[in-house]
Amino acid sequence: MRSFLSDAFSPSAIWNGRIGTMKEKIEAISGTVTGNDQQVGFRAMIMKQAIEYNLAGFAKNLPNDVVNFTIQGDPKRLTTAVSAIQEGTKKSSDIKVSTTQGTVDPALNAFTIYAWTSASRNITNPYNLVFHLRPDDGVLALAEVKTVWHGILQSTLKGDDLKKLGPDD
């Protein structure tokens, strides 16, 4: 059994659908979030970490008000992203994050929020928001993350929901 955040496949690694050297290790972390994590932008915050650090995976709400997520990518970036997830959002409180080693999916090349809605924007139609990994694998500045996030919303939302977006969403 591989240890948590350990070496990837040997002697080469399959990474985001391409063969690479051992420098391109990937790991996966699965987690659950409890506390005041609903209608506070929690899944969006996880996706913004994925956008910033070019991580694949997903975030979804479970029926019991628990957020479930998996992220995979560079081990150091995963650690930084999990730290941000543990801090929560400005509106969240009493957050508890439990993580375990996840299973790397070499074919996974996107991060998806399943059934996203927005209480603050009165968007009640669920949308699957998808961020496709960047081929350059660089880390983005926060302004660039915001631009990518806004682009995902603009390309996914439909009709009246699209009109509810503000210039800073």
N, C-alpha and C. Protein backbone atom coordinates (compact mmCIF):
# COMPACT_ATOMS: atom_id res chain seq x y z
N MET A 1 0.84 -1.18 0.00
CA MET A 1 0.00 0.00 0.00
C MET A 1 0.89 1.24 0.00
N ARG A 2 0.54 2.21 -0.84
CA ARG A 2 1.31 3.45 -0.90
C ARG A 2 0.98 4.30 0.30
N SER A 3 1.96 5.01 0.80
CA SER A 3 1.72 5.91 1.92
C SER A 3 1.08 7.19 1.42
N PHE A 4 0.42 7.90 2.33
CA PHE A 4 -0.26 9.15 2.01
C PHE A 4 0.71 10.14 1.40
N LEU A 5 0.34 10.74 0.27
CA LEU A 5 1.19 11.69 -0.46
C LEU A 5 2.57 11.11 -0.75
N SER A 6 2.58 9.86 -1.24
CA SER A 6 3.84 9.18 -1.54
C SER A 6 4.15 9.22 -3.03
N ASP A 7 5.19 8.52 -3.41
CA ASP A 7 5.58 8.50 -4.82
C ASP A 7 4.49 7.91 -5.69
N ALA A 8 4.41 8.44 -6.90
CA ALA A 8 3.44 7.95 -7.88
C ALA A 8 4.01 6.71 -8.56
N PHE A 9 3.44 6.35 -9.69
CA PHE A 9 3.85 5.15 -10.40
C PHE A 9 5.33 5.19 -10.75
N SER A 10 5.94 4.03 -10.86
CA SER A 10 7.37 3.96 -11.15
C SER A 10 7.58 3.03 -12.34
N PRO A 11 8.58 3.27 -13.21
CA PRO A 11 9.54 4.35 -13.22
C PRO A 11 9.03 5.64 -13.86
N SER A 12 7.89 5.61 -14.47
CA SER A 12 7.33 6.86 -14.98
C SER A 12 5.96 7.04 -14.36
N ALA A 13 5.43 8.23 -14.47
CA ALA A 13 4.13 8.51 -13.87
C ALA A 13 3.14 8.86 -14.97
N ILE A 14 1.93 8.37 -14.83
CA ILE A 14 0.85 8.79 -15.73
C ILE A 14 0.22 9.99 -15.04
N TRP A 15 0.22 11.12 -15.71
CA TRP A 15 -0.20 12.35 -15.06
C TRP A 15 -1.08 13.14 -15.99
N ASN A 16 -2.31 13.33 -15.57
CA ASN A 16 -3.28 14.10 -16.36
C ASN A 16 -3.32 13.63 -17.81
N GLY A 17 -3.29 12.32 -17.98
CA GLY A 17 -3.44 11.76 -19.31
C GLY A 17 -2.18 11.70 -20.14
N ARG A 18 -1.02 12.03 -19.55
CA ARG A 18 0.21 11.92 -20.32
C ARG A 18 1.28 11.23 -19.47
N ILE A 19 2.25 10.65 -20.14
CA ILE A 19 3.34 10.00 -19.42
C ILE A 19 4.36 11.08 -19.06
N GLY A 20 4.86 11.02 -17.84
CA GLY A 20 5.85 12.00 -17.40
C GLY A 20 6.93 11.34 -16.59
N THR A 21 7.84 12.14 -16.11
CA THR A 21 8.93 11.64 -15.29
C THR A 21 8.49 11.58 -13.84
N MET A 22 9.34 11.05 -12.99
CA MET A 22 9.01 10.94 -11.57
C MET A 22 8.85 12.31 -10.91
N LYS A 23 9.33 13.38 -11.55
CA LYS A 23 9.14 14.72 -11.00
C LYS A 23 7.66 15.10 -11.02
N GLU A 24 6.88 14.45 -11.85
CA GLU A 24 5.46 14.77 -12.01
C GLU A 24 4.61 13.79 -11.22
N LYS A 25 4.78 13.76 -9.92
CA LYS A 25 4.02 12.88 -9.05
C LYS A 25 2.62 13.43 -8.85
N ILE A 26 1.67 12.55 -8.72
CA ILE A 26 0.34 12.99 -8.32
C ILE A 26 -0.16 12.11 -7.19
N GLU A 27 -0.95 12.71 -6.36
CA GLU A 27 -1.60 12.03 -5.25
C GLU A 27 -3.05 12.46 -5.26
N ALA A 28 -3.84 11.78 -4.47
CA ALA A 28 -5.26 12.14 -4.35
C ALA A 28 -5.63 12.17 -2.87
N ILE A 29 -6.51 13.10 -2.54
CA ILE A 29 -7.06 13.22 -1.19
C ILE A 29 -8.57 13.24 -1.31
N SER A 30 -9.23 12.43 -0.51
CA SER A 30 -10.69 12.46 -0.41
C SER A 30 -11.04 13.04 0.95
N GLY A 31 -12.12 13.79 1.00
CA GLY A 31 -12.47 14.40 2.27
C GLY A 31 -13.94 14.69 2.42
N THR A 32 -14.31 14.95 3.66
CA THR A 32 -15.66 15.41 3.98
C THR A 32 -15.54 16.64 4.85
N VAL A 33 -16.51 17.52 4.70
CA VAL A 33 -16.55 18.76 5.46
C VAL A 33 -17.89 18.83 6.18
N THR A 34 -17.84 19.06 7.48
CA THR A 34 -19.06 19.25 8.27
C THR A 34 -18.99 20.62 8.94
N GLY A 35 -20.12 21.04 9.46
CA GLY A 35 -20.22 22.35 10.09
C GLY A 35 -21.16 23.22 9.26
N ASN A 36 -21.05 24.51 9.43
CA ASN A 36 -21.86 25.45 8.65
C ASN A 36 -21.19 25.62 7.28
N ASP A 37 -21.43 24.61 6.41
CA ASP A 37 -20.76 24.58 5.11
C ASP A 37 -21.75 24.65 3.94
N GLN A 38 -23.01 24.94 4.22
CA GLN A 38 -24.02 25.01 3.16
C GLN A 38 -24.43 26.46 2.94
N GLN A 39 -24.61 26.81 1.67
CA GLN A 39 -25.03 28.16 1.26
C GLN A 39 -24.04 29.23 1.72
N VAL A 40 -22.76 28.85 1.77
CA VAL A 40 -21.71 29.79 2.17
C VAL A 40 -20.55 29.81 1.15
N GLY A 41 -20.77 29.23 -0.03
CA GLY A 41 -19.74 29.22 -1.07
C GLY A 41 -18.64 28.21 -0.85
N PHE A 42 -18.94 27.14 -0.10
CA PHE A 42 -17.88 26.20 0.25
C PHE A 42 -17.37 25.40 -0.94
N ARG A 43 -18.27 24.83 -1.72
CA ARG A 43 -17.83 24.05 -2.88
C ARG A 43 -17.13 24.94 -3.90
N ALA A 44 -17.62 26.19 -4.04
CA ALA A 44 -16.97 27.13 -4.95
C ALA A 44 -15.54 27.42 -4.49
N MET A 45 -15.34 27.54 -3.18
CA MET A 45 -14.01 27.78 -2.65
C MET A 45 -13.09 26.60 -2.95
N ILE A 46 -13.61 25.38 -2.84
CA ILE A 46 -12.79 24.20 -3.17
C ILE A 46 -12.42 24.23 -4.65
N MET A 47 -13.39 24.58 -5.51
CA MET A 47 -13.08 24.65 -6.93
C MET A 47 -12.05 25.73 -7.21
N LYS A 48 -12.12 26.84 -6.51
CA LYS A 48 -11.14 27.90 -6.73
C LYS A 48 -9.74 27.44 -6.33
N GLN A 49 -9.63 26.58 -5.34
CA GLN A 49 -8.34 25.97 -5.01
C GLN A 49 -7.87 25.09 -6.17
N ALA A 50 -8.81 24.33 -6.74
CA ALA A 50 -8.47 23.48 -7.89
C ALA A 50 -8.01 24.32 -9.07
N ILE A 51 -8.67 25.43 -9.30
CA ILE A 51 -8.28 26.32 -10.40
C ILE A 51 -6.88 26.90 -10.13
N GLU A 52 -6.66 27.41 -8.93
CA GLU A 52 -5.38 28.03 -8.60
C GLU A 52 -4.23 27.05 -8.75
N TYR A 53 -4.40 25.83 -8.24
CA TYR A 53 -3.31 24.86 -8.20
C TYR A 53 -3.39 23.79 -9.28
N ASN A 54 -4.36 23.93 -10.21
CA ASN A 54 -4.51 22.99 -11.33
C ASN A 54 -4.71 21.56 -10.83
N LEU A 55 -5.73 21.39 -9.99
CA LEU A 55 -6.05 20.10 -9.40
C LEU A 55 -7.32 19.53 -10.01
N ALA A 56 -7.35 18.25 -10.20
CA ALA A 56 -8.53 17.55 -10.70
C ALA A 56 -9.34 17.04 -9.51
N GLY A 57 -10.59 16.66 -9.76
CA GLY A 57 -11.41 16.07 -8.72
C GLY A 57 -12.86 16.52 -8.80
N PHE A 58 -13.50 16.60 -7.63
CA PHE A 58 -14.90 17.00 -7.58
C PHE A 58 -15.26 17.47 -6.18
N ALA A 59 -16.38 18.16 -6.11
CA ALA A 59 -17.01 18.52 -4.83
C ALA A 59 -18.51 18.38 -5.02
N LYS A 60 -19.16 17.80 -4.02
CA LYS A 60 -20.61 17.65 -4.09
C LYS A 60 -21.18 17.68 -2.67
N ASN A 61 -22.45 18.05 -2.61
CA ASN A 61 -23.16 18.00 -1.34
C ASN A 61 -23.75 16.61 -1.16
N LEU A 62 -23.63 16.09 0.04
CA LEU A 62 -24.31 14.85 0.40
C LEU A 62 -25.64 15.22 1.04
N PRO A 63 -26.59 14.30 1.10
CA PRO A 63 -27.92 14.62 1.63
C PRO A 63 -27.93 15.12 3.08
N ASN A 64 -26.90 14.84 3.83
CA ASN A 64 -26.88 15.20 5.26
C ASN A 64 -26.13 16.50 5.53
N ASP A 65 -26.10 17.43 4.57
CA ASP A 65 -25.42 18.72 4.69
C ASP A 65 -23.91 18.60 4.86
N VAL A 66 -23.34 17.53 4.34
CA VAL A 66 -21.90 17.31 4.34
C VAL A 66 -21.40 17.56 2.93
N VAL A 67 -20.27 18.26 2.83
CA VAL A 67 -19.60 18.42 1.53
C VAL A 67 -18.59 17.29 1.39
N ASN A 68 -18.63 16.60 0.26
CA ASN A 68 -17.71 15.52 -0.07
C ASN A 68 -16.83 16.02 -1.21
N PHE A 69 -15.52 15.79 -1.10
CA PHE A 69 -14.63 16.23 -2.18
C PHE A 69 -13.49 15.25 -2.37
N THR A 70 -12.94 15.29 -3.58
CA THR A 70 -11.69 14.60 -3.90
C THR A 70 -10.88 15.57 -4.74
N ILE A 71 -9.60 15.69 -4.41
CA ILE A 71 -8.70 16.49 -5.23
C ILE A 71 -7.45 15.65 -5.50
N GLN A 72 -6.90 15.83 -6.70
CA GLN A 72 -5.67 15.11 -7.03
C GLN A 72 -4.76 16.01 -7.84
N GLY A 73 -3.47 15.81 -7.62
CA GLY A 73 -2.47 16.60 -8.31
C GLY A 73 -1.16 16.55 -7.54
N ASP A 74 -0.36 17.58 -7.71
CA ASP A 74 0.92 17.70 -7.05
C ASP A 74 0.75 17.64 -5.53
N PRO A 75 1.51 16.79 -4.83
CA PRO A 75 1.33 16.62 -3.38
C PRO A 75 1.46 17.92 -2.57
N LYS A 76 2.40 18.78 -2.91
CA LYS A 76 2.56 20.04 -2.17
C LYS A 76 1.35 20.95 -2.39
N ARG A 77 0.83 20.96 -3.59
CA ARG A 77 -0.35 21.78 -3.87
C ARG A 77 -1.58 21.23 -3.15
N LEU A 78 -1.67 19.91 -3.06
CA LEU A 78 -2.78 19.30 -2.31
C LEU A 78 -2.76 19.75 -0.85
N THR A 79 -1.59 19.74 -0.26
CA THR A 79 -1.45 20.15 1.14
C THR A 79 -1.90 21.59 1.32
N THR A 80 -1.49 22.48 0.42
CA THR A 80 -1.88 23.88 0.49
C THR A 80 -3.39 24.03 0.31
N ALA A 81 -3.95 23.30 -0.63
CA ALA A 81 -5.40 23.38 -0.87
C ALA A 81 -6.19 22.87 0.33
N VAL A 82 -5.76 21.77 0.93
CA VAL A 82 -6.46 21.24 2.10
C VAL A 82 -6.39 22.24 3.26
N SER A 83 -5.28 22.92 3.41
CA SER A 83 -5.17 23.95 4.46
C SER A 83 -6.20 25.05 4.25
N ALA A 84 -6.38 25.48 3.01
CA ALA A 84 -7.38 26.50 2.71
C ALA A 84 -8.80 25.98 2.96
N ILE A 85 -9.04 24.73 2.61
CA ILE A 85 -10.35 24.13 2.85
C ILE A 85 -10.63 24.09 4.35
N GLN A 86 -9.62 23.76 5.14
CA GLN A 86 -9.79 23.71 6.60
C GLN A 86 -10.11 25.09 7.18
N GLU A 87 -9.61 26.15 6.55
CA GLU A 87 -9.91 27.51 7.00
C GLU A 87 -11.35 27.89 6.69
N GLY A 88 -11.93 27.30 5.64
CA GLY A 88 -13.31 27.59 5.28
C GLY A 88 -13.45 28.90 4.52
N THR A 89 -14.69 29.34 4.38
CA THR A 89 -14.99 30.60 3.71
C THR A 89 -15.29 31.67 4.76
N LYS A 90 -15.44 32.91 4.31
CA LYS A 90 -15.77 34.00 5.24
C LYS A 90 -17.10 33.75 5.94
N LYS A 91 -18.02 33.08 5.26
CA LYS A 91 -19.37 32.86 5.81
C LYS A 91 -19.53 31.52 6.53
N SER A 92 -18.56 30.61 6.40
CA SER A 92 -18.68 29.30 7.05
C SER A 92 -18.23 29.39 8.51
N SER A 93 -18.64 28.39 9.29
CA SER A 93 -18.23 28.35 10.70
C SER A 93 -18.27 26.90 11.20
N ASP A 94 -17.57 26.66 12.30
CA ASP A 94 -17.53 25.33 12.91
C ASP A 94 -17.15 24.24 11.91
N ILE A 95 -16.21 24.55 11.03
CA ILE A 95 -15.81 23.62 9.97
C ILE A 95 -14.89 22.54 10.52
N LYS A 96 -15.22 21.30 10.16
CA LYS A 96 -14.37 20.16 10.47
C LYS A 96 -14.14 19.40 9.17
N VAL A 97 -12.87 19.21 8.84
CA VAL A 97 -12.50 18.54 7.60
C VAL A 97 -11.81 17.23 7.95
N SER A 98 -12.31 16.14 7.40
CA SER A 98 -11.68 14.83 7.56
C SER A 98 -11.17 14.40 6.20
N THR A 99 -9.91 13.99 6.13
CA THR A 99 -9.33 13.57 4.85
C THR A 99 -8.71 12.19 4.97
N THR A 100 -8.66 11.51 3.84
CA THR A 100 -7.99 10.22 3.73
C THR A 100 -7.26 10.21 2.39
N GLN A 101 -6.33 9.28 2.25
CA GLN A 101 -5.68 9.10 0.96
C GLN A 101 -6.73 8.66 -0.03
N GLY A 102 -6.76 9.31 -1.18
CA GLY A 102 -7.69 8.93 -2.23
C GLY A 102 -7.00 8.06 -3.25
N THR A 103 -7.75 7.63 -4.22
CA THR A 103 -7.22 6.82 -5.32
C THR A 103 -7.00 7.72 -6.53
N VAL A 104 -5.80 7.73 -7.04
CA VAL A 104 -5.48 8.54 -8.21
C VAL A 104 -6.17 7.95 -9.43
N ASP A 105 -6.83 8.80 -10.18
CA ASP A 105 -7.44 8.42 -11.45
C ASP A 105 -6.62 9.09 -12.55
N PRO A 106 -5.74 8.36 -13.22
CA PRO A 106 -4.86 8.96 -14.23
C PRO A 106 -5.62 9.63 -15.39
N ALA A 107 -6.85 9.23 -15.63
CA ALA A 107 -7.63 9.80 -16.73
C ALA A 107 -8.37 11.08 -16.33
N LEU A 108 -8.40 11.40 -15.06
CA LEU A 108 -9.15 12.56 -14.59
C LEU A 108 -8.44 13.84 -15.01
N ASN A 109 -9.14 14.69 -15.75
CA ASN A 109 -8.51 15.91 -16.26
C ASN A 109 -9.35 17.16 -16.01
N ALA A 110 -10.23 17.10 -14.99
CA ALA A 110 -11.09 18.24 -14.70
C ALA A 110 -11.48 18.21 -13.22
N PHE A 111 -11.97 19.34 -12.75
CA PHE A 111 -12.57 19.43 -11.42
C PHE A 111 -14.02 19.84 -11.64
N THR A 112 -14.95 19.14 -10.99
CA THR A 112 -16.38 19.39 -11.18
C THR A 112 -17.06 19.64 -9.85
N ILE A 113 -17.87 20.69 -9.80
CA ILE A 113 -18.83 20.85 -8.70
C ILE A 113 -20.14 20.30 -9.24
N TYR A 114 -20.67 19.30 -8.56
CA TYR A 114 -21.93 18.70 -8.98
C TYR A 114 -23.09 19.45 -8.34
N ALA A 115 -24.10 19.73 -9.16
CA ALA A 115 -25.38 20.31 -8.71
C ALA A 115 -25.17 21.62 -7.94
N TRP A 116 -24.35 22.52 -8.50
CA TRP A 116 -24.09 23.83 -7.88
C TRP A 116 -25.32 24.72 -7.99
N THR A 117 -25.62 25.39 -6.92
CA THR A 117 -26.64 26.44 -6.88
C THR A 117 -26.04 27.60 -6.10
N SER A 118 -26.74 28.73 -6.08
CA SER A 118 -26.22 29.88 -5.34
C SER A 118 -27.36 30.57 -4.60
N ALA A 119 -27.33 30.46 -3.27
CA ALA A 119 -28.34 31.13 -2.45
C ALA A 119 -28.20 32.65 -2.56
N SER A 120 -26.97 33.16 -2.58
CA SER A 120 -26.75 34.61 -2.62
C SER A 120 -27.21 35.23 -3.94
N ARG A 121 -27.22 34.46 -5.01
CA ARG A 121 -27.66 34.95 -6.31
C ARG A 121 -29.07 34.47 -6.68
N ASN A 122 -29.69 33.72 -5.78
CA ASN A 122 -31.01 33.14 -6.02
C ASN A 122 -31.01 32.26 -7.29
N ILE A 123 -29.97 31.46 -7.43
CA ILE A 123 -29.87 30.50 -8.53
C ILE A 123 -30.21 29.13 -7.94
N THR A 124 -31.40 28.64 -8.28
CA THR A 124 -31.87 27.38 -7.69
C THR A 124 -31.79 26.21 -8.66
N ASN A 125 -31.58 26.48 -9.95
CA ASN A 125 -31.38 25.40 -10.91
C ASN A 125 -29.99 24.83 -10.71
N PRO A 126 -29.85 23.52 -10.50
CA PRO A 126 -28.51 22.96 -10.28
C PRO A 126 -27.71 22.86 -11.58
N TYR A 127 -26.44 23.25 -11.50
CA TYR A 127 -25.51 23.19 -12.63
C TYR A 127 -24.27 22.41 -12.22
N ASN A 128 -23.71 21.65 -13.15
CA ASN A 128 -22.41 21.03 -12.94
C ASN A 128 -21.37 22.00 -13.51
N LEU A 129 -20.55 22.56 -12.63
CA LEU A 129 -19.51 23.49 -13.04
C LEU A 129 -18.22 22.71 -13.25
N VAL A 130 -17.56 22.91 -14.39
CA VAL A 130 -16.40 22.11 -14.74
C VAL A 130 -15.20 23.01 -15.07
N PHE A 131 -14.10 22.75 -14.39
CA PHE A 131 -12.81 23.37 -14.69
C PHE A 131 -11.93 22.30 -15.32
N HIS A 132 -11.45 22.54 -16.52
CA HIS A 132 -10.55 21.61 -17.21
C HIS A 132 -9.11 22.00 -16.89
N LEU A 133 -8.30 21.01 -16.54
CA LEU A 133 -6.91 21.28 -16.18
C LEU A 133 -6.18 22.01 -17.29
N ARG A 134 -5.29 22.91 -16.88
CA ARG A 134 -4.45 23.65 -17.82
C ARG A 134 -3.27 22.80 -18.24
N PRO A 135 -2.90 22.82 -19.49
CA PRO A 135 -1.75 22.03 -19.93
C PRO A 135 -0.43 22.54 -19.35
N ASP A 136 -0.33 23.83 -19.05
CA ASP A 136 0.94 24.38 -18.56
C ASP A 136 1.20 24.07 -17.09
N ASP A 137 0.18 23.71 -16.32
CA ASP A 137 0.27 23.31 -14.92
C ASP A 137 0.85 24.36 -13.98
N GLY A 138 0.85 25.61 -14.37
CA GLY A 138 1.34 26.65 -13.46
C GLY A 138 0.30 26.98 -12.39
N VAL A 139 0.77 27.66 -11.34
CA VAL A 139 -0.12 28.15 -10.29
C VAL A 139 -0.61 29.52 -10.73
N LEU A 140 -1.92 29.78 -10.57
CA LEU A 140 -2.50 31.06 -10.98
C LEU A 140 -2.54 32.05 -9.82
N ALA A 141 -2.44 33.32 -10.15
CA ALA A 141 -2.66 34.38 -9.18
C ALA A 141 -4.16 34.46 -8.90
N LEU A 142 -4.52 35.04 -7.76
CA LEU A 142 -5.94 35.10 -7.37
C LEU A 142 -6.80 35.82 -8.40
N ALA A 143 -6.29 36.88 -9.01
CA ALA A 143 -7.06 37.59 -10.04
C ALA A 143 -7.35 36.67 -11.23
N GLU A 144 -6.38 35.83 -11.59
CA GLU A 144 -6.57 34.89 -12.69
C GLU A 144 -7.58 33.81 -12.31
N VAL A 145 -7.54 33.37 -11.05
CA VAL A 145 -8.51 32.37 -10.56
C VAL A 145 -9.92 32.93 -10.70
N LYS A 146 -10.09 34.17 -10.31
CA LYS A 146 -11.40 34.82 -10.39
C LYS A 146 -11.89 34.91 -11.84
N THR A 147 -10.99 35.21 -12.75
CA THR A 147 -11.34 35.28 -14.17
C THR A 147 -11.78 33.92 -14.69
N VAL A 148 -11.05 32.87 -14.33
CA VAL A 148 -11.41 31.51 -14.77
C VAL A 148 -12.76 31.12 -14.17
N TRP A 149 -12.96 31.38 -12.86
CA TRP A 149 -14.23 31.06 -12.18
C TRP A 149 -15.39 31.77 -12.89
N HIS A 150 -15.22 33.05 -13.17
CA HIS A 150 -16.29 33.81 -13.84
C HIS A 150 -16.57 33.23 -15.23
N GLY A 151 -15.53 32.83 -15.93
CA GLY A 151 -15.71 32.23 -17.25
C GLY A 151 -16.49 30.92 -17.18
N ILE A 152 -16.22 30.12 -16.15
CA ILE A 152 -16.95 28.86 -15.97
C ILE A 152 -18.43 29.15 -15.73
N LEU A 153 -18.71 30.13 -14.86
CA LEU A 153 -20.12 30.49 -14.61
C LEU A 153 -20.79 31.00 -15.88
N GLN A 154 -20.12 31.89 -16.60
CA GLN A 154 -20.70 32.45 -17.82
C GLN A 154 -20.95 31.40 -18.90
N SER A 155 -20.10 30.41 -18.98
CA SER A 155 -20.26 29.40 -20.03
C SER A 155 -21.22 28.28 -19.62
N THR A 156 -21.59 28.22 -18.35
CA THR A 156 -22.42 27.11 -17.87
C THR A 156 -23.85 27.54 -17.57
N LEU A 157 -24.02 28.67 -16.91
CA LEU A 157 -25.36 29.11 -16.53
C LEU A 157 -26.17 29.47 -17.76
N LYS A 158 -27.47 29.32 -17.66
CA LYS A 158 -28.38 29.55 -18.78
C LYS A 158 -29.47 30.54 -18.41
N GLY A 159 -30.02 31.23 -19.40
CA GLY A 159 -31.21 32.05 -19.26
C GLY A 159 -31.13 33.08 -18.15
N ASP A 160 -32.20 33.13 -17.35
CA ASP A 160 -32.27 34.10 -16.26
C ASP A 160 -31.15 33.92 -15.23
N ASP A 161 -30.71 32.69 -15.02
CA ASP A 161 -29.62 32.47 -14.08
C ASP A 161 -28.35 33.20 -14.51
N LEU A 162 -28.06 33.23 -15.81
CA LEU A 162 -26.89 33.92 -16.32
C LEU A 162 -27.00 35.42 -16.06
N LYS A 163 -28.22 35.95 -16.14
CA LYS A 163 -28.43 37.38 -15.90
C LYS A 163 -28.22 37.76 -14.43
N LYS A 164 -28.23 36.79 -13.53
CA LYS A 164 -28.07 37.06 -12.10
C LYS A 164 -26.61 37.25 -11.69
N LEU A 165 -25.69 36.97 -12.59
CA LEU A 165 -24.28 37.15 -12.28
C LEU A 165 -23.93 38.63 -12.27
N GLY A 166 -23.18 39.03 -11.27
CA GLY A 166 -22.66 40.39 -11.22
C GLY A 166 -21.30 40.44 -11.86
N PRO A 167 -20.75 41.65 -12.05
CA PRO A 167 -19.45 41.77 -12.70
C PRO A 167 -18.30 41.15 -11.91
N ASP A 168 -18.49 40.96 -10.61
CA ASP A 168 -17.42 40.39 -9.78
C ASP A 168 -17.66 38.95 -9.40
N ASP A 169 -18.67 38.30 -9.97
CA ASP A 169 -18.97 36.90 -9.62
C ASP A 169 -17.98 35.96 -10.23
